[in-house]
């Protein structure tokens, strides 16, 4: 699969007047990262894609088990992923932020990423 390479804001990366294309491991890692970050129901082409972040994060105490479960479903349901090696969720309550790192086996070999 091929797609446009995106920066951290979701904008296409342009070099020498041309959009940069990625494939293989890079494409899969970017797709998984974007799927984890996506609010379920917000993408008009597929409203089932993503995670229901407002519902999960709308409570005072957030269960990392729930987040882990939703991320695992995203990773396992990708057609190019054969197995999930690891998911690590790091929450920074003082900064009100969260980092999710993952490692999967795929048709391209091991792929890692962070969302």
PDB file of N, CA and C in Angstrom:
ATOM      1  N   UNK A   1       0.836  -1.172   0.000  1.00  0.00           N
ATOM      2  CA  UNK A   1       0.000   0.000   0.000  1.00  0.00           C
ATOM      3  C   UNK A   1       0.891   1.248   0.000  1.00  0.00           C
ATOM      4  N   UNK A   2       0.415   2.298  -0.669  1.00  0.00           N
ATOM      5  CA  UNK A   2       1.124   3.583  -0.716  1.00  0.00           C
ATOM      6  C   UNK A   2       0.190   4.676  -0.236  1.00  0.00           C
ATOM      7  N   UNK A   3       0.783   5.704   0.381  1.00  0.00           N
ATOM      8  CA  UNK A   3      -0.003   6.854   0.805  1.00  0.00           C
ATOM      9  C   UNK A   3       0.910   8.067   0.914  1.00  0.00           C
ATOM     10  N   UNK A   4       0.306   9.212   1.159  1.00  0.00           N
ATOM     11  CA  UNK A   4       1.080  10.433   1.367  1.00  0.00           C
ATOM     12  C   UNK A   4       1.705  10.410   2.754  1.00  0.00           C
ATOM     13  N   UNK A   5       2.940  10.890   2.860  1.00  0.00           N
ATOM     14  CA  UNK A   5       3.556  11.037   4.177  1.00  0.00           C
ATOM     15  C   UNK A   5       3.005  12.299   4.820  1.00  0.00           C
ATOM     16  N   UNK A   6       2.607  12.171   6.080  1.00  0.00           N
ATOM     17  CA  UNK A   6       2.015  13.289   6.806  1.00  0.00           C
ATOM     18  C   UNK A   6       2.933  13.743   7.931  1.00  0.00           C
ATOM     19  N   UNK A   7       2.867  15.032   8.268  1.00  0.00           N
ATOM     20  CA  UNK A   7       3.605  15.530   9.423  1.00  0.00           C
ATOM     21  C   UNK A   7       2.751  15.352  10.684  1.00  0.00           C
ATOM     22  N   UNK A   8       3.219  15.847  11.815  1.00  0.00           N
ATOM     23  CA  UNK A   8       2.515  15.674  13.096  1.00  0.00           C
ATOM     24  C   UNK A   8       1.144  16.349  13.121  1.00  0.00           C
ATOM     25  N   UNK A   9       0.923  17.330  12.251  1.00  0.00           N
ATOM     26  CA  UNK A   9      -0.369  18.016  12.189  1.00  0.00           C
ATOM     27  C   UNK A   9      -1.330  17.364  11.195  1.00  0.00           C
ATOM     28  N   UNK A  10      -0.871  16.308  10.508  1.00  0.00           N
ATOM     29  CA  UNK A  10      -1.719  15.641   9.523  1.00  0.00           C
ATOM     30  C   UNK A  10      -1.652  16.256   8.142  1.00  0.00           C
ATOM     31  N   UNK A  11      -0.695  17.162   7.932  1.00  0.00           N
ATOM     32  CA  UNK A  11      -0.538  17.808   6.627  1.00  0.00           C
ATOM     33  C   UNK A  11       0.452  17.012   5.775  1.00  0.00           C
ATOM     34  N   UNK A  12       0.218  16.995   4.473  1.00  0.00           N
ATOM     35  CA  UNK A  12       1.132  16.310   3.570  1.00  0.00           C
ATOM     36  C   UNK A  12       2.502  16.978   3.592  1.00  0.00           C
ATOM     37  N   UNK A  13       3.531  16.159   3.483  1.00  0.00           N
ATOM     38  CA  UNK A  13       4.900  16.664   3.396  1.00  0.00           C
ATOM     39  C   UNK A  13       5.228  16.855   1.914  1.00  0.00           C
ATOM     40  N   UNK A  14       5.705  18.049   1.577  1.00  0.00           N
ATOM     41  CA  UNK A  14       6.040  18.398   0.194  1.00  0.00           C
ATOM     42  C   UNK A  14       7.547  18.623   0.106  1.00  0.00           C
ATOM     43  N   UNK A  15       8.179  17.969  -0.868  1.00  0.00           N
ATOM     44  CA  UNK A  15       9.608  18.187  -1.150  1.00  0.00           C
ATOM     45  C   UNK A  15       9.760  18.418  -2.644  1.00  0.00           C
ATOM     46  N   UNK A  16      10.485  19.477  -2.980  1.00  0.00           N
ATOM     47  CA  UNK A  16      10.715  19.833  -4.376  1.00  0.00           C
ATOM     48  C   UNK A  16       9.407  19.943  -5.162  1.00  0.00           C
ATOM     49  N   UNK A  17       8.381  20.459  -4.503  1.00  0.00           N
ATOM     50  CA  UNK A  17       7.103  20.676  -5.165  1.00  0.00           C
ATOM     51  C   UNK A  17       6.238  19.430  -5.318  1.00  0.00           C
ATOM     52  N   UNK A  18       6.682  18.299  -4.797  1.00  0.00           N
ATOM     53  CA  UNK A  18       5.930  17.054  -4.926  1.00  0.00           C
ATOM     54  C   UNK A  18       5.585  16.498  -3.545  1.00  0.00           C
ATOM     55  N   UNK A  19       4.395  15.917  -3.428  1.00  0.00           N
ATOM     56  CA  UNK A  19       3.999  15.251  -2.188  1.00  0.00           C
ATOM     57  C   UNK A  19       4.848  13.997  -2.018  1.00  0.00           C
ATOM     58  N   UNK A  20       5.354  13.782  -0.801  1.00  0.00           N
ATOM     59  CA  UNK A  20       6.188  12.616  -0.509  1.00  0.00           C
ATOM     60  C   UNK A  20       5.279  11.409  -0.285  1.00  0.00           C
ATOM     61  N   UNK A  21       5.590  10.308  -0.969  1.00  0.00           N
ATOM     62  CA  UNK A  21       4.823   9.069  -0.830  1.00  0.00           C
ATOM     63  C   UNK A  21       5.598   8.083   0.041  1.00  0.00           C
ATOM     64  N   UNK A  22       4.861   7.283   0.821  1.00  0.00           N
ATOM     65  CA  UNK A  22       5.480   6.236   1.624  1.00  0.00           C
ATOM     66  C   UNK A  22       4.744   4.923   1.371  1.00  0.00           C
ATOM     67  N   UNK A  23       5.432   3.830   1.669  1.00  0.00           N
ATOM     68  CA  UNK A  23       4.825   2.504   1.504  1.00  0.00           C
ATOM     69  C   UNK A  23       5.433   1.562   2.541  1.00  0.00           C
ATOM     70  N   UNK A  24       4.947   0.340   2.576  1.00  0.00           N
ATOM     71  CA  UNK A  24       5.506  -0.679   3.453  1.00  0.00           C
ATOM     72  C   UNK A  24       5.362  -0.351   4.921  1.00  0.00           C
ATOM     73  N   UNK A  25       6.458  -0.539   5.660  1.00  0.00           N
ATOM     74  CA  UNK A  25       6.462  -0.334   7.116  1.00  0.00           C
ATOM     75  C   UNK A  25       6.049   1.080   7.507  1.00  0.00           C
ATOM     76  N   UNK A  26       6.585   2.070   6.791  1.00  0.00           N
ATOM     77  CA  UNK A  26       6.263   3.469   7.108  1.00  0.00           C
ATOM     78  C   UNK A  26       4.772   3.751   6.949  1.00  0.00           C
ATOM     79  N   UNK A  27       4.213   3.233   5.883  1.00  0.00           N
ATOM     80  CA  UNK A  27       2.790   3.442   5.599  1.00  0.00           C
ATOM     81  C   UNK A  27       1.930   2.787   6.676  1.00  0.00           C
ATOM     82  N   UNK A  28       2.267   1.551   7.048  1.00  0.00           N
ATOM     83  CA  UNK A  28       1.506   0.846   8.077  1.00  0.00           C
ATOM     84  C   UNK A  28       1.609   1.560   9.417  1.00  0.00           C
ATOM     85  N   UNK A  29       2.812   1.959   9.815  1.00  0.00           N
ATOM     86  CA  UNK A  29       2.987   2.661  11.091  1.00  0.00           C
ATOM     87  C   UNK A  29       2.178   3.947  11.129  1.00  0.00           C
ATOM     88  N   UNK A  30       2.197   4.708  10.042  1.00  0.00           N
ATOM     89  CA  UNK A  30       1.432   5.956   9.981  1.00  0.00           C
ATOM     90  C   UNK A  30      -0.067   5.674  10.049  1.00  0.00           C
ATOM     91  N   UNK A  31      -0.539   4.653   9.337  1.00  0.00           N
ATOM     92  CA  UNK A  31      -1.959   4.317   9.335  1.00  0.00           C
ATOM     93  C   UNK A  31      -2.430   3.887  10.723  1.00  0.00           C
ATOM     94  N   UNK A  32      -1.637   3.063  11.422  1.00  0.00           N
ATOM     95  CA  UNK A  32      -2.001   2.623  12.767  1.00  0.00           C
ATOM     96  C   UNK A  32      -2.022   3.800  13.743  1.00  0.00           C
ATOM     97  N   UNK A  33      -1.010   4.659  13.662  1.00  0.00           N
ATOM     98  CA  UNK A  33      -0.949   5.838  14.522  1.00  0.00           C
ATOM     99  C   UNK A  33      -2.167   6.727  14.302  1.00  0.00           C
ATOM    100  N   UNK A  34      -2.510   6.975  13.052  1.00  0.00           N
ATOM    101  CA  UNK A  34      -3.666   7.825  12.751  1.00  0.00           C
ATOM    102  C   UNK A  34      -4.969   7.184  13.207  1.00  0.00           C
ATOM    103  N   UNK A  35      -5.088   5.867  13.078  1.00  0.00           N
ATOM    104  CA  UNK A  35      -6.297   5.169  13.522  1.00  0.00           C
ATOM    105  C   UNK A  35      -6.457   5.261  15.036  1.00  0.00           C
ATOM    106  N   UNK A  36      -5.346   5.191  15.768  1.00  0.00           N
ATOM    107  CA  UNK A  36      -5.397   5.302  17.233  1.00  0.00           C
ATOM    108  C   UNK A  36      -5.795   6.721  17.632  1.00  0.00           C
ATOM    109  N   UNK A  37      -5.284   7.712  16.948  1.00  0.00           N
ATOM    110  CA  UNK A  37      -5.575   9.110  17.288  1.00  0.00           C
ATOM    111  C   UNK A  37      -6.976   9.570  16.881  1.00  0.00           C
ATOM    112  N   UNK A  38      -7.578   8.892  15.930  1.00  0.00           N
ATOM    113  CA  UNK A  38      -8.853   9.315  15.354  1.00  0.00           C
ATOM    114  C   UNK A  38     -10.013   9.129  16.337  1.00  0.00           C
ATOM    115  N   UNK A  39     -10.844  10.163  16.463  1.00  0.00           N
ATOM    116  CA  UNK A  39     -12.083  10.058  17.249  1.00  0.00           C
ATOM    117  C   UNK A  39     -13.104   9.280  16.421  1.00  0.00           C
ATOM    118  N   UNK A  40     -13.622   8.200  17.011  1.00  0.00           N
ATOM    119  CA  UNK A  40     -14.612   7.378  16.315  1.00  0.00           C
ATOM    120  C   UNK A  40     -15.811   8.232  15.909  1.00  0.00           C
ATOM    121  N   UNK A  41     -16.219   8.064  14.668  1.00  0.00           N
ATOM    122  CA  UNK A  41     -17.362   8.806  14.147  1.00  0.00           C
ATOM    123  C   UNK A  41     -17.003  10.123  13.488  1.00  0.00           C
ATOM    124  N   UNK A  42     -15.748  10.535  13.567  1.00  0.00           N
ATOM    125  CA  UNK A  42     -15.389  11.847  13.035  1.00  0.00           C
ATOM    126  C   UNK A  42     -14.949  11.819  11.570  1.00  0.00           C
ATOM    127  N   UNK A  43     -14.644  10.645  11.040  1.00  0.00           N
ATOM    128  CA  UNK A  43     -14.233  10.566   9.638  1.00  0.00           C
ATOM    129  C   UNK A  43     -15.439  10.148   8.811  1.00  0.00           C
ATOM    130  N   UNK A  44     -15.895  11.019   7.927  1.00  0.00           N
ATOM    131  CA  UNK A  44     -17.140  10.793   7.205  1.00  0.00           C
ATOM    132  C   UNK A  44     -17.086   9.597   6.263  1.00  0.00           C
ATOM    133  N   UNK A  45     -15.914   9.185   5.809  1.00  0.00           N
ATOM    134  CA  UNK A  45     -15.830   8.041   4.902  1.00  0.00           C
ATOM    135  C   UNK A  45     -15.977   6.701   5.621  1.00  0.00           C
ATOM    136  N   UNK A  46     -15.667   6.664   6.921  1.00  0.00           N
ATOM    137  CA  UNK A  46     -15.835   5.437   7.706  1.00  0.00           C
ATOM    138  C   UNK A  46     -16.029   5.830   9.165  1.00  0.00           C
ATOM    139  N   UNK A  47     -17.275   5.983   9.576  1.00  0.00           N
ATOM    140  CA  UNK A  47     -17.583   6.449  10.934  1.00  0.00           C
ATOM    141  C   UNK A  47     -17.297   5.395  11.995  1.00  0.00           C
ATOM    142  N   UNK A  48     -16.980   4.161  11.592  1.00  0.00           N
ATOM    143  CA  UNK A  48     -16.616   3.119  12.558  1.00  0.00           C
ATOM    144  C   UNK A  48     -15.130   3.120  12.889  1.00  0.00           C
ATOM    145  N   UNK A  49     -14.338   3.874  12.141  1.00  0.00           N
ATOM    146  CA  UNK A  49     -12.890   3.932  12.388  1.00  0.00           C
ATOM    147  C   UNK A  49     -12.585   4.793  13.602  1.00  0.00           C
ATOM    148  N   UNK A  50     -11.543   4.424  14.333  1.00  0.00           N
ATOM    149  CA  UNK A  50     -11.081   5.222  15.446  1.00  0.00           C
ATOM    150  C   UNK A  50     -11.522   4.693  16.800  1.00  0.00           C
ATOM    151  N   UNK A  51     -11.298   5.501  17.806  1.00  0.00           N
ATOM    152  CA  UNK A  51     -11.596   5.166  19.204  1.00  0.00           C
ATOM    153  C   UNK A  51     -12.506   6.247  19.765  1.00  0.00           C
ATOM    154  N   UNK A  52     -13.456   5.879  20.588  1.00  0.00           N
ATOM    155  CA  UNK A  52     -14.402   6.831  21.172  1.00  0.00           C
ATOM    156  C   UNK A  52     -13.734   7.594  22.327  1.00  0.00           C
ATOM    157  N   UNK A  53     -12.733   8.424  21.964  1.00  0.00           N
ATOM    158  CA  UNK A  53     -11.941   9.154  22.955  1.00  0.00           C
ATOM    159  C   UNK A  53     -12.776  10.045  23.871  1.00  0.00           C
ATOM    160  N   UNK A  54     -13.742  10.817  23.385  1.00  0.00           N
ATOM    161  CA  UNK A  54     -14.519  11.661  24.305  1.00  0.00           C
ATOM    162  C   UNK A  54     -15.234  10.844  25.384  1.00  0.00           C
ATOM    163  N   UNK A  55     -15.753   9.682  25.022  1.00  0.00           N
ATOM    164  CA  UNK A  55     -16.423   8.829  26.006  1.00  0.00           C
ATOM    165  C   UNK A  55     -15.437   8.246  27.019  1.00  0.00           C
ATOM    166  N   UNK A  56     -14.277   7.817  26.556  1.00  0.00           N
ATOM    167  CA  UNK A  56     -13.282   7.198  27.434  1.00  0.00           C
ATOM    168  C   UNK A  56     -12.643   8.225  28.356  1.00  0.00           C
ATOM    169  N   UNK A  57     -12.278   9.386  27.799  1.00  0.00           N
ATOM    170  CA  UNK A  57     -11.535  10.382  28.577  1.00  0.00           C
ATOM    171  C   UNK A  57     -12.442  11.356  29.324  1.00  0.00           C
ATOM    172  N   UNK A  58     -13.749  11.182  29.205  1.00  0.00           N
ATOM    173  CA  UNK A  58     -14.685  12.091  29.846  1.00  0.00           C
ATOM    174  C   UNK A  58     -14.900  11.833  31.330  1.00  0.00           C
ATOM    175  N   UNK A  59     -14.199  10.865  31.887  1.00  0.00           N
ATOM    176  CA  UNK A  59     -14.350  10.539  33.303  1.00  0.00           C
ATOM    177  C   UNK A  59     -13.123  10.988  34.086  1.00  0.00           C
ATOM    178  N   UNK A  60     -13.333  11.237  35.390  1.00  0.00           N
ATOM    179  CA  UNK A  60     -12.231  11.703  36.225  1.00  0.00           C
ATOM    180  C   UNK A  60     -11.105  10.665  36.307  1.00  0.00           C
ATOM    181  N   UNK A  61     -11.459   9.395  36.497  1.00  0.00           N
ATOM    182  CA  UNK A  61     -10.424   8.358  36.511  1.00  0.00           C
ATOM    183  C   UNK A  61     -10.579   7.502  35.265  1.00  0.00           C
ATOM    184  N   UNK A  62      -9.557   7.507  34.451  1.00  0.00           N
ATOM    185  CA  UNK A  62      -9.568   6.797  33.180  1.00  0.00           C
ATOM    186  C   UNK A  62      -8.879   5.451  33.372  1.00  0.00           C
ATOM    187  N   UNK A  63      -9.530   4.395  32.933  1.00  0.00           N
ATOM    188  CA  UNK A  63      -8.966   3.058  33.046  1.00  0.00           C
ATOM    189  C   UNK A  63      -8.025   2.786  31.875  1.00  0.00           C
ATOM    190  N   UNK A  64      -6.770   2.483  32.187  1.00  0.00           N
ATOM    191  CA  UNK A  64      -5.835   2.145  31.112  1.00  0.00           C
ATOM    192  C   UNK A  64      -6.211   0.814  30.470  1.00  0.00           C
ATOM    193  N   UNK A  65      -6.952  -0.033  31.198  1.00  0.00           N
ATOM    194  CA  UNK A  65      -7.414  -1.297  30.614  1.00  0.00           C
ATOM    195  C   UNK A  65      -8.353  -1.035  29.441  1.00  0.00           C
ATOM    196  N   UNK A  66      -9.231  -0.052  29.583  1.00  0.00           N
ATOM    197  CA  UNK A  66     -10.165   0.291  28.500  1.00  0.00           C
ATOM    198  C   UNK A  66      -9.386   0.821  27.302  1.00  0.00           C
ATOM    199  N   UNK A  67      -8.442   1.711  27.542  1.00  0.00           N
ATOM    200  CA  UNK A  67      -7.629   2.270  26.454  1.00  0.00           C
ATOM    201  C   UNK A  67      -6.843   1.153  25.770  1.00  0.00           C
ATOM    202  N   UNK A  68      -6.220   0.286  26.573  1.00  0.00           N
ATOM    203  CA  UNK A  68      -5.447  -0.837  26.033  1.00  0.00           C
ATOM    204  C   UNK A  68      -6.323  -1.699  25.126  1.00  0.00           C
ATOM    205  N   UNK A  69      -7.525  -2.001  25.582  1.00  0.00           N
ATOM    206  CA  UNK A  69      -8.456  -2.838  24.820  1.00  0.00           C
ATOM    207  C   UNK A  69      -8.809  -2.202  23.477  1.00  0.00           C
ATOM    208  N   UNK A  70      -9.095  -0.903  23.476  1.00  0.00           N
ATOM    209  CA  UNK A  70      -9.468  -0.211  22.229  1.00  0.00           C
ATOM    210  C   UNK A  70      -8.294  -0.150  21.260  1.00  0.00           C
ATOM    211  N   UNK A  71      -7.096   0.128  21.785  1.00  0.00           N
ATOM    212  CA  UNK A  71      -5.901   0.184  20.933  1.00  0.00           C
ATOM    213  C   UNK A  71      -5.603  -1.205  20.363  1.00  0.00           C
ATOM    214  N   UNK A  72      -5.727  -2.230  21.186  1.00  0.00           N
ATOM    215  CA  UNK A  72      -5.501  -3.604  20.726  1.00  0.00           C
ATOM    216  C   UNK A  72      -6.444  -3.948  19.576  1.00  0.00           C
ATOM    217  N   UNK A  73      -7.705  -3.550  19.677  1.00  0.00           N
ATOM    218  CA  UNK A  73      -8.668  -3.810  18.597  1.00  0.00           C
ATOM    219  C   UNK A  73      -8.264  -3.113  17.310  1.00  0.00           C
ATOM    220  N   UNK A  74      -7.807  -1.871  17.414  1.00  0.00           N
ATOM    221  CA  UNK A  74      -7.351  -1.133  16.225  1.00  0.00           C
ATOM    222  C   UNK A  74      -6.202  -1.889  15.562  1.00  0.00           C
ATOM    223  N   UNK A  75      -5.218  -2.305  16.358  1.00  0.00           N
ATOM    224  CA  UNK A  75      -4.033  -2.966  15.807  1.00  0.00           C
ATOM    225  C   UNK A  75      -4.380  -4.331  15.209  1.00  0.00           C
ATOM    226  N   UNK A  76      -5.168  -5.116  15.924  1.00  0.00           N
ATOM    227  CA  UNK A  76      -5.501  -6.473  15.459  1.00  0.00           C
ATOM    228  C   UNK A  76      -6.385  -6.466  14.221  1.00  0.00           C
ATOM    229  N   UNK A  77      -7.190  -5.438  14.039  1.00  0.00           N
ATOM    230  CA  UNK A  77      -8.134  -5.405  12.926  1.00  0.00           C
ATOM    231  C   UNK A  77      -7.538  -4.881  11.623  1.00  0.00           C
ATOM    232  N   UNK A  78      -6.280  -4.488  11.629  1.00  0.00           N
ATOM    233  CA  UNK A  78      -5.653  -4.046  10.385  1.00  0.00           C
ATOM    234  C   UNK A  78      -5.268  -5.282   9.567  1.00  0.00           C
ATOM    235  N   UNK A  79      -5.598  -5.270   8.297  1.00  0.00           N
ATOM    236  CA  UNK A  79      -5.378  -6.437   7.440  1.00  0.00           C
ATOM    237  C   UNK A  79      -3.905  -6.799   7.242  1.00  0.00           C
ATOM    238  N   UNK A  80      -2.996  -5.853   7.453  1.00  0.00           N
ATOM    239  CA  UNK A  80      -1.575  -6.128   7.254  1.00  0.00           C
ATOM    240  C   UNK A  80      -0.859  -6.532   8.542  1.00  0.00           C
ATOM    241  N   UNK A  81      -1.570  -6.541   9.675  1.00  0.00           N
ATOM    242  CA  UNK A  81      -0.985  -6.922  10.968  1.00  0.00           C
ATOM    243  C   UNK A  81      -1.282  -8.388  11.235  1.00  0.00           C
ATOM    244  N   UNK A  82      -0.228  -9.161  11.542  1.00  0.00           N
ATOM    245  CA  UNK A  82      -0.416 -10.580  11.851  1.00  0.00           C
ATOM    246  C   UNK A  82      -0.507 -10.829  13.351  1.00  0.00           C
ATOM    247  N   UNK A  83       0.199 -10.043  14.172  1.00  0.00           N
ATOM    248  CA  UNK A  83       0.111 -10.185  15.627  1.00  0.00           C
ATOM    249  C   UNK A  83       0.593  -8.909  16.310  1.00  0.00           C
ATOM    250  N   UNK A  84       0.153  -8.736  17.551  1.00  0.00           N
ATOM    251  CA  UNK A  84       0.543  -7.565  18.341  1.00  0.00           C
ATOM    252  C   UNK A  84       1.597  -8.000  19.345  1.00  0.00           C
ATOM    253  N   UNK A  85       2.761  -7.348  19.323  1.00  0.00           N
ATOM    254  CA  UNK A  85       3.838  -7.672  20.251  1.00  0.00           C
ATOM    255  C   UNK A  85       3.677  -6.944  21.576  1.00  0.00           C
ATOM    256  N   UNK A  86       3.415  -5.632  21.501  1.00  0.00           N
ATOM    257  CA  UNK A  86       3.314  -4.856  22.739  1.00  0.00           C
ATOM    258  C   UNK A  86       2.541  -3.571  22.521  1.00  0.00           C
ATOM    259  N   UNK A  87       1.948  -3.116  23.626  1.00  0.00           N
ATOM    260  CA  UNK A  87       1.295  -1.812  23.685  1.00  0.00           C
ATOM    261  C   UNK A  87       1.699  -1.207  25.019  1.00  0.00           C
ATOM    262  N   UNK A  88       2.212   0.015  24.990  1.00  0.00           N
ATOM    263  CA  UNK A  88       2.605   0.690  26.227  1.00  0.00           C
ATOM    264  C   UNK A  88       1.877   2.031  26.292  1.00  0.00           C
ATOM    265  N   UNK A  89       1.182   2.251  27.397  1.00  0.00           N
ATOM    266  CA  UNK A  89       0.421   3.490  27.585  1.00  0.00           C
ATOM    267  C   UNK A  89       1.060   4.263  28.723  1.00  0.00           C
ATOM    268  N   UNK A  90       1.507   5.479  28.427  1.00  0.00           N
ATOM    269  CA  UNK A  90       2.128   6.336  29.432  1.00  0.00           C
ATOM    270  C   UNK A  90       1.299   7.606  29.551  1.00  0.00           C
ATOM    271  N   UNK A  91       0.743   7.821  30.742  1.00  0.00           N
ATOM    272  CA  UNK A  91      -0.077   9.009  30.982  1.00  0.00           C
ATOM    273  C   UNK A  91       0.713  10.011  31.810  1.00  0.00           C
ATOM    274  N   UNK A  92       0.613  11.266  31.445  1.00  0.00           N
ATOM    275  CA  UNK A  92       1.221  12.358  32.197  1.00  0.00           C
ATOM    276  C   UNK A  92       0.085  13.247  32.692  1.00  0.00           C
ATOM    277  N   UNK A  93      -0.373  12.976  33.894  1.00  0.00           N
ATOM    278  CA  UNK A  93      -1.532  13.691  34.432  1.00  0.00           C
ATOM    279  C   UNK A  93      -1.276  15.185  34.599  1.00  0.00           C
ATOM    280  N   UNK A  94      -0.046  15.570  34.956  1.00  0.00           N
ATOM    281  CA  UNK A  94       0.240  16.996  35.144  1.00  0.00           C
ATOM    282  C   UNK A  94       0.142  17.763  33.823  1.00  0.00           C
ATOM    283  N   UNK A  95       0.526  17.127  32.723  1.00  0.00           N
ATOM    284  CA  UNK A  95       0.458  17.757  31.404  1.00  0.00           C
ATOM    285  C   UNK A  95      -0.838  17.404  30.668  1.00  0.00           C
ATOM    286  N   UNK A  96      -1.636  16.538  31.277  1.00  0.00           N
ATOM    287  CA  UNK A  96      -2.891  16.070  30.677  1.00  0.00           C
ATOM    288  C   UNK A  96      -2.640  15.480  29.290  1.00  0.00           C
ATOM    289  N   UNK A  97      -1.629  14.637  29.215  1.00  0.00           N
ATOM    290  CA  UNK A  97      -1.263  14.016  27.949  1.00  0.00           C
ATOM    291  C   UNK A  97      -1.072  12.520  28.104  1.00  0.00           C
ATOM    292  N   UNK A  98      -0.998  11.845  26.975  1.00  0.00           N
ATOM    293  CA  UNK A  98      -0.821  10.412  26.964  1.00  0.00           C
ATOM    294  C   UNK A  98      -0.039  10.028  25.715  1.00  0.00           C
ATOM    295  N   UNK A  99       0.869   9.067  25.871  1.00  0.00           N
ATOM    296  CA  UNK A  99       1.608   8.526  24.743  1.00  0.00           C
ATOM    297  C   UNK A  99       1.333   7.033  24.678  1.00  0.00           C
ATOM    298  N   UNK A 100       1.021   6.564  23.504  1.00  0.00           N
ATOM    299  CA  UNK A 100       0.778   5.146  23.283  1.00  0.00           C
ATOM    300  C   UNK A 100       1.808   4.663  22.277  1.00  0.00           C
ATOM    301  N   UNK A 101       2.637   3.708  22.683  1.00  0.00           N
ATOM    302  CA  UNK A 101       3.604   3.113  21.769  1.00  0.00           C
ATOM    303  C   UNK A 101       3.168   1.680  21.497  1.00  0.00           C
ATOM    304  N   UNK A 102       3.486   1.197  20.309  1.00  0.00           N
ATOM    305  CA  UNK A 102       3.075  -0.155  19.937  1.00  0.00           C
ATOM    306  C   UNK A 102       4.132  -0.816  19.069  1.00  0.00           C
ATOM    307  N   UNK A 103       4.074  -2.131  19.069  1.00  0.00           N
ATOM    308  CA  UNK A 103       4.916  -2.948  18.209  1.00  0.00           C
ATOM    309  C   UNK A 103       4.048  -4.093  17.693  1.00  0.00           C
ATOM    310  N   UNK A 104       4.071  -4.303  16.382  1.00  0.00           N
ATOM    311  CA  UNK A 104       3.286  -5.369  15.766  1.00  0.00           C
ATOM    312  C   UNK A 104       4.145  -6.138  14.770  1.00  0.00           C
ATOM    313  N   UNK A 105       3.766  -7.372  14.514  1.00  0.00           N
ATOM    314  CA  UNK A 105       4.325  -8.134  13.403  1.00  0.00           C
ATOM    315  C   UNK A 105       3.362  -7.960  12.242  1.00  0.00           C
ATOM    316  N   UNK A 106       3.925  -7.770  11.064  1.00  0.00           N
ATOM    317  CA  UNK A 106       3.089  -7.508   9.893  1.00  0.00           C
ATOM    318  C   UNK A 106       3.655  -8.226   8.682  1.00  0.00           C
ATOM    319  N   UNK A 107       3.013  -8.027   7.565  1.00  0.00           N
ATOM    320  CA  UNK A 107       3.522  -8.612   6.328  1.00  0.00           C
ATOM    321  C   UNK A 107       4.874  -8.006   5.925  1.00  0.00           C
ATOM    322  N   UNK A 108       5.234  -6.879   6.555  1.00  0.00           N
ATOM    323  CA  UNK A 108       6.523  -6.218   6.278  1.00  0.00           C
ATOM    324  C   UNK A 108       7.575  -6.520   7.346  1.00  0.00           C
ATOM    325  N   UNK A 109       7.240  -7.328   8.344  1.00  0.00           N
ATOM    326  CA  UNK A 109       8.125  -7.567   9.474  1.00  0.00           C
ATOM    327  C   UNK A 109       7.633  -6.777  10.683  1.00  0.00           C
ATOM    328  N   UNK A 110       8.518  -6.532  11.613  1.00  0.00           N
ATOM    329  CA  UNK A 110       8.118  -5.799  12.821  1.00  0.00           C
ATOM    330  C   UNK A 110       7.972  -4.314  12.515  1.00  0.00           C
ATOM    331  N   UNK A 111       6.867  -3.732  13.007  1.00  0.00           N
ATOM    332  CA  UNK A 111       6.580  -2.314  12.814  1.00  0.00           C
ATOM    333  C   UNK A 111       6.296  -1.718  14.178  1.00  0.00           C
ATOM    334  N   UNK A 112       6.924  -0.572  14.465  1.00  0.00           N
ATOM    335  CA  UNK A 112       6.694   0.120  15.724  1.00  0.00           C
ATOM    336  C   UNK A 112       6.206   1.527  15.445  1.00  0.00           C
ATOM    337  N   UNK A 113       5.548   2.103  16.436  1.00  0.00           N
ATOM    338  CA  UNK A 113       5.075   3.462  16.276  1.00  0.00           C
ATOM    339  C   UNK A 113       4.622   4.037  17.596  1.00  0.00           C
ATOM    340  N   UNK A 114       4.313   5.326  17.585  1.00  0.00           N
ATOM    341  CA  UNK A 114       3.826   6.012  18.779  1.00  0.00           C
ATOM    342  C   UNK A 114       2.724   6.983  18.374  1.00  0.00           C
ATOM    343  N   UNK A 115       1.693   7.021  19.186  1.00  0.00           N
ATOM    344  CA  UNK A 115       0.569   7.917  18.915  1.00  0.00           C
ATOM    345  C   UNK A 115       0.353   8.824  20.112  1.00  0.00           C
TER     346      UNK A 115
END
